[in-house]
Amino acid sequence: MATLSTQSAIPSHGESLEYLAFTLGKEEYGVSIQKVQELRGYDAVTQIANAPEFIKGVVNLRGIIVPIIDMRIKFNLGTPTYDQFTVVVILNINNRVVGMVVDSVSDVITLTTEQIKPAPEMGGAVDTNYLVGLGTVDERMLILVDIDRLMSSNEMGLIQQHAA
């Protein structure tokens, strides 16, 4: 079984990776396109009693029960609004399907190692354990999320980590 490693999310020198760019509030984020299964509009979810606030509920996606995580709530970015631009990014992480609600999706961006800088240490204010780094393209800056690490964190409780 594969172990989680930030190194797998950062391309080796000269290599490039593609990231799906999405917005949460005023910031632009990116996740590895290899983890994205599909994009869907936001539909009503079935709420689960006693679930953490950031877990909106579950949906039935072609016979698979998929937990839906609202990333704006998860990252404490204010009260989410759901409109025609709201997108659910369906991810496949360690053979587990998870939905991630984002404000909008813009495009797919190719980044090389030279365009990815390590995430700065923010002290206790921001948990940078879930960040690959910051990707820059022209005037844009993407906060690159290590979605494997985030979704398999203990607080999320969604995906079991595999021992090395």
C-alpha atoms as a PDB file:
ATOM      1  CA  MET A   1       0.000   0.000   0.000  1.00  0.00           C
ATOM      2  CA  ALA A   2       1.186   3.507  -0.762  1.00  0.00           C
ATOM      3  CA  THR A   3       2.093   5.832   2.049  1.00  0.00           C
ATOM      4  CA  LEU A   4       1.187   9.480   2.089  1.00  0.00           C
ATOM      5  CA  SER A   5       4.031  11.747   1.200  1.00  0.00           C
ATOM      6  CA  THR A   6       4.205  15.406   0.310  1.00  0.00           C
ATOM      7  CA  GLN A   7       7.105  14.556  -1.971  1.00  0.00           C
ATOM      8  CA  SER A   8       4.760  12.729  -4.341  1.00  0.00           C
ATOM      9  CA  ALA A   9       2.796  15.952  -4.783  1.00  0.00           C
ATOM     10  CA  ILE A  10       5.835  18.017  -5.784  1.00  0.00           C
ATOM     11  CA  PRO A  11       7.230  17.339  -9.242  1.00  0.00           C
ATOM     12  CA  SER A  12      10.897  16.425  -9.470  1.00  0.00           C
ATOM     13  CA  HIS A  13      13.236  18.952 -11.095  1.00  0.00           C
ATOM     14  CA  GLY A  14      12.226  19.837 -14.638  1.00  0.00           C
ATOM     15  CA  GLU A  15       9.018  17.813 -14.406  1.00  0.00           C
ATOM     16  CA  SER A  16       5.582  19.408 -14.501  1.00  0.00           C
ATOM     17  CA  LEU A  17       2.263  18.538 -12.892  1.00  0.00           C
ATOM     18  CA  GLU A  18      -1.274  19.655 -13.648  1.00  0.00           C
ATOM     19  CA  TYR A  19      -3.465  21.187 -10.965  1.00  0.00           C
ATOM     20  CA  LEU A  20      -7.192  21.896 -11.007  1.00  0.00           C
ATOM     21  CA  ALA A  21      -7.547  25.550  -9.981  1.00  0.00           C
ATOM     22  CA  PHE A  22     -10.540  26.487  -7.817  1.00  0.00           C
ATOM     23  CA  THR A  23     -11.587  29.403  -5.634  1.00  0.00           C
ATOM     24  CA  LEU A  24     -12.608  29.594  -2.003  1.00  0.00           C
ATOM     25  CA  GLY A  25     -13.519  33.123  -1.006  1.00  0.00           C
ATOM     26  CA  LYS A  26     -10.946  35.484  -2.521  1.00  0.00           C
ATOM     27  CA  GLU A  27      -8.140  32.920  -2.801  1.00  0.00           C
ATOM     28  CA  GLU A  28      -7.271  30.477  -5.550  1.00  0.00           C
ATOM     29  CA  TYR A  29      -6.299  26.921  -4.677  1.00  0.00           C
ATOM     30  CA  GLY A  30      -5.109  23.912  -6.617  1.00  0.00           C
ATOM     31  CA  VAL A  31      -5.261  20.130  -6.275  1.00  0.00           C
ATOM     32  CA  SER A  32      -3.498  17.545  -8.389  1.00  0.00           C
ATOM     33  CA  ILE A  33      -5.642  16.803 -11.437  1.00  0.00           C
ATOM     34  CA  GLN A  34      -4.762  13.121 -10.986  1.00  0.00           C
ATOM     35  CA  LYS A  35      -7.014  13.029  -7.900  1.00  0.00           C
ATOM     36  CA  VAL A  36     -10.018  14.548  -9.706  1.00  0.00           C
ATOM     37  CA  GLN A  37     -12.629  12.100 -10.935  1.00  0.00           C
ATOM     38  CA  GLU A  38     -15.269  14.568 -12.143  1.00  0.00           C
ATOM     39  CA  LEU A  39     -16.890  17.966 -11.592  1.00  0.00           C
ATOM     40  CA  ARG A  40     -20.560  18.363 -10.668  1.00  0.00           C
ATOM     41  CA  GLY A  41     -22.925  21.154  -9.771  1.00  0.00           C
ATOM     42  CA  TYR A  42     -23.955  21.451  -6.124  1.00  0.00           C
ATOM     43  CA  ASP A  43     -27.073  19.410  -5.386  1.00  0.00           C
ATOM     44  CA  ALA A  44     -28.953  18.812  -2.175  1.00  0.00           C
ATOM     45  CA  VAL A  45     -27.203  16.407   0.170  1.00  0.00           C
ATOM     46  CA  THR A  46     -28.516  13.995   2.771  1.00  0.00           C
ATOM     47  CA  GLN A  47     -27.352  15.278   6.131  1.00  0.00           C
ATOM     48  CA  ILE A  48     -25.790  12.897   8.644  1.00  0.00           C
ATOM     49  CA  ALA A  49     -26.574  13.414  12.334  1.00  0.00           C
ATOM     50  CA  ASN A  50     -23.635  14.443  14.544  1.00  0.00           C
ATOM     51  CA  ALA A  51     -21.274  14.904  11.575  1.00  0.00           C
ATOM     52  CA  PRO A  52     -18.727  17.729  11.843  1.00  0.00           C
ATOM     53  CA  GLU A  53     -20.008  21.031  10.405  1.00  0.00           C
ATOM     54  CA  PHE A  54     -17.683  20.859   7.371  1.00  0.00           C
ATOM     55  CA  ILE A  55     -19.239  17.544   6.282  1.00  0.00           C
ATOM     56  CA  LYS A  56     -22.373  18.763   4.509  1.00  0.00           C
ATOM     57  CA  GLY A  57     -23.730  15.246   4.127  1.00  0.00           C
ATOM     58  CA  VAL A  58     -23.662  12.487   1.530  1.00  0.00           C
ATOM     59  CA  VAL A  59     -24.899  11.993  -2.024  1.00  0.00           C
ATOM     60  CA  ASN A  60     -25.552   8.854  -4.025  1.00  0.00           C
ATOM     61  CA  LEU A  61     -23.271   9.003  -7.060  1.00  0.00           C
ATOM     62  CA  ARG A  62     -24.162   6.128  -9.375  1.00  0.00           C
ATOM     63  CA  GLY A  63     -24.590   3.732  -6.450  1.00  0.00           C
ATOM     64  CA  ILE A  64     -21.630   5.014  -4.395  1.00  0.00           C
ATOM     65  CA  ILE A  65     -22.341   6.947  -1.195  1.00  0.00           C
ATOM     66  CA  VAL A  66     -20.028   9.968  -1.328  1.00  0.00           C
ATOM     67  CA  PRO A  67     -19.330  12.244   1.669  1.00  0.00           C
ATOM     68  CA  ILE A  68     -19.438  15.936   0.698  1.00  0.00           C
ATOM     69  CA  ILE A  69     -16.934  18.265   2.404  1.00  0.00           C
ATOM     70  CA  ASP A  70     -17.426  22.044   2.275  1.00  0.00           C
ATOM     71  CA  MET A  71     -13.893  23.415   2.016  1.00  0.00           C
ATOM     72  CA  ARG A  72     -14.932  26.972   2.916  1.00  0.00           C
ATOM     73  CA  ILE A  73     -16.176  25.714   6.286  1.00  0.00           C
ATOM     74  CA  LYS A  74     -13.145  23.411   6.680  1.00  0.00           C
ATOM     75  CA  PHE A  75     -10.719  26.298   6.111  1.00  0.00           C
ATOM     76  CA  ASN A  76     -12.780  28.811   8.185  1.00  0.00           C
ATOM     77  CA  LEU A  77     -13.354  31.117   5.232  1.00  0.00           C
ATOM     78  CA  GLY A  78     -16.733  32.499   6.230  1.00  0.00           C
ATOM     79  CA  THR A  79     -20.272  31.380   5.599  1.00  0.00           C
ATOM     80  CA  PRO A  80     -20.594  29.475   2.333  1.00  0.00           C
ATOM     81  CA  THR A  81     -23.135  30.455  -0.276  1.00  0.00           C
ATOM     82  CA  TYR A  82     -24.364  28.011  -2.862  1.00  0.00           C
ATOM     83  CA  ASP A  83     -25.173  29.360  -6.326  1.00  0.00           C
ATOM     84  CA  GLN A  84     -24.856  28.434  -9.992  1.00  0.00           C
ATOM     85  CA  PHE A  85     -21.050  28.726  -9.760  1.00  0.00           C
ATOM     86  CA  THR A  86     -20.691  26.353  -6.794  1.00  0.00           C
ATOM     87  CA  VAL A  87     -18.933  23.159  -7.859  1.00  0.00           C
ATOM     88  CA  VAL A  88     -18.485  19.769  -6.235  1.00  0.00           C
ATOM     89  CA  VAL A  89     -15.112  18.321  -7.188  1.00  0.00           C
ATOM     90  CA  ILE A  90     -15.356  14.535  -6.990  1.00  0.00           C
ATOM     91  CA  LEU A  91     -12.003  13.167  -5.837  1.00  0.00           C
ATOM     92  CA  ASN A  92     -10.647   9.649  -5.761  1.00  0.00           C
ATOM     93  CA  ILE A  93      -8.230   9.310  -2.849  1.00  0.00           C
ATOM     94  CA  ASN A  94      -6.832   5.911  -1.887  1.00  0.00           C
ATOM     95  CA  ASN A  95      -9.758   4.281  -3.722  1.00  0.00           C
ATOM     96  CA  ARG A  96     -12.259   6.308  -1.685  1.00  0.00           C
ATOM     97  CA  VAL A  97     -14.572   8.748  -3.455  1.00  0.00           C
ATOM     98  CA  VAL A  98     -15.059  12.102  -1.696  1.00  0.00           C
ATOM     99  CA  GLY A  99     -16.786  15.297  -2.827  1.00  0.00           C
ATOM    100  CA  MET A 100     -15.246  18.715  -2.149  1.00  0.00           C
ATOM    101  CA  VAL A 101     -17.487  21.808  -2.388  1.00  0.00           C
ATOM    102  CA  VAL A 102     -15.691  24.882  -3.773  1.00  0.00           C
ATOM    103  CA  ASP A 103     -16.938  28.321  -4.814  1.00  0.00           C
ATOM    104  CA  SER A 104     -15.918  27.869  -8.447  1.00  0.00           C
ATOM    105  CA  VAL A 105     -13.458  26.047 -10.701  1.00  0.00           C
ATOM    106  CA  SER A 106     -11.412  28.080 -13.170  1.00  0.00           C
ATOM    107  CA  ASP A 107      -9.059  25.875 -15.175  1.00  0.00           C
ATOM    108  CA  VAL A 108      -6.265  23.319 -15.202  1.00  0.00           C
ATOM    109  CA  ILE A 109      -2.798  24.794 -14.684  1.00  0.00           C
ATOM    110  CA  THR A 110       0.507  23.119 -15.468  1.00  0.00           C
ATOM    111  CA  LEU A 111       3.268  23.939 -12.973  1.00  0.00           C
ATOM    112  CA  THR A 112       6.936  23.038 -13.033  1.00  0.00           C
ATOM    113  CA  THR A 113       9.144  22.657  -9.967  1.00  0.00           C
ATOM    114  CA  GLU A 114      10.495  26.155 -10.532  1.00  0.00           C
ATOM    115  CA  GLN A 115       6.962  27.571 -10.211  1.00  0.00           C
ATOM    116  CA  ILE A 116       6.241  25.861  -6.859  1.00  0.00           C
ATOM    117  CA  LYS A 117       7.604  27.468  -3.701  1.00  0.00           C
ATOM    118  CA  PRO A 118       7.386  25.885  -0.233  1.00  0.00           C
ATOM    119  CA  ALA A 119       4.519  27.097   1.936  1.00  0.00           C
ATOM    120  CA  PRO A 120       5.775  29.671   4.450  1.00  0.00           C
ATOM    121  CA  GLU A 121       5.627  28.799   8.136  1.00  0.00           C
ATOM    122  CA  MET A 122       2.700  30.640   9.684  1.00  0.00           C
ATOM    123  CA  GLY A 123       3.181  29.646  13.303  1.00  0.00           C
ATOM    124  CA  GLY A 124       0.011  28.287  14.860  1.00  0.00           C
ATOM    125  CA  ALA A 125      -2.338  30.497  12.829  1.00  0.00           C
ATOM    126  CA  VAL A 126      -2.460  28.306   9.727  1.00  0.00           C
ATOM    127  CA  ASP A 127      -1.881  24.573   9.472  1.00  0.00           C
ATOM    128  CA  THR A 128       0.565  24.257   6.577  1.00  0.00           C
ATOM    129  CA  ASN A 129       0.775  20.446   6.907  1.00  0.00           C
ATOM    130  CA  TYR A 130      -1.889  20.162   4.211  1.00  0.00           C
ATOM    131  CA  LEU A 131      -0.132  22.409   1.717  1.00  0.00           C
ATOM    132  CA  VAL A 132       2.225  21.323  -1.052  1.00  0.00           C
ATOM    133  CA  GLY A 133       3.342  24.909  -1.548  1.00  0.00           C
ATOM    134  CA  LEU A 134       2.492  28.005  -3.517  1.00  0.00           C
ATOM    135  CA  GLY A 135       2.357  27.830  -7.295  1.00  0.00           C
ATOM    136  CA  THR A 136       2.861  30.951  -9.374  1.00  0.00           C
ATOM    137  CA  VAL A 137       1.808  31.502 -12.980  1.00  0.00           C
ATOM    138  CA  ASP A 138       2.207  35.052 -14.289  1.00  0.00           C
ATOM    139  CA  GLU A 139       0.296  37.216 -11.774  1.00  0.00           C
ATOM    140  CA  ARG A 140      -1.646  34.296 -10.274  1.00  0.00           C
ATOM    141  CA  MET A 141      -0.753  32.500  -7.069  1.00  0.00           C
ATOM    142  CA  LEU A 142      -2.299  29.134  -6.256  1.00  0.00           C
ATOM    143  CA  ILE A 143      -2.320  27.633  -2.790  1.00  0.00           C
ATOM    144  CA  LEU A 144      -1.550  23.998  -3.603  1.00  0.00           C
ATOM    145  CA  VAL A 145      -3.382  21.600  -1.289  1.00  0.00           C
ATOM    146  CA  ASP A 146      -2.037  18.133  -0.480  1.00  0.00           C
ATOM    147  CA  ILE A 147      -5.514  16.656  -0.773  1.00  0.00           C
ATOM    148  CA  ASP A 148      -4.369  13.137   0.180  1.00  0.00           C
ATOM    149  CA  ARG A 149      -2.966  14.376   3.472  1.00  0.00           C
ATOM    150  CA  LEU A 150      -5.943  16.639   4.203  1.00  0.00           C
ATOM    151  CA  MET A 151      -8.632  14.063   3.498  1.00  0.00           C
ATOM    152  CA  SER A 152      -6.844  11.321   5.419  1.00  0.00           C
ATOM    153  CA  SER A 153      -6.124  13.481   8.482  1.00  0.00           C
ATOM    154  CA  ASN A 154      -7.517  12.239  11.792  1.00  0.00           C
ATOM    155  CA  GLU A 155      -9.859  15.226  12.122  1.00  0.00           C
ATOM    156  CA  MET A 156     -11.492  14.422   8.782  1.00  0.00           C
ATOM    157  CA  GLY A 157     -11.789  10.722   9.615  1.00  0.00           C
ATOM    158  CA  LEU A 158     -12.778   9.900   6.046  1.00  0.00           C
ATOM    159  CA  ILE A 159      -9.911   7.878   4.679  1.00  0.00           C
ATOM    160  CA  GLN A 160      -7.813   5.349   6.500  1.00  0.00           C
ATOM    161  CA  GLN A 161      -4.079   5.918   6.302  1.00  0.00           C
ATOM    162  CA  HIS A 162      -2.109   2.867   5.308  1.00  0.00           C
ATOM    163  CA  ALA A 163       0.836   1.949   7.477  1.00  0.00           C
ATOM    164  CA  ALA A 164       4.202   1.879   5.744  1.00  0.00           C
END
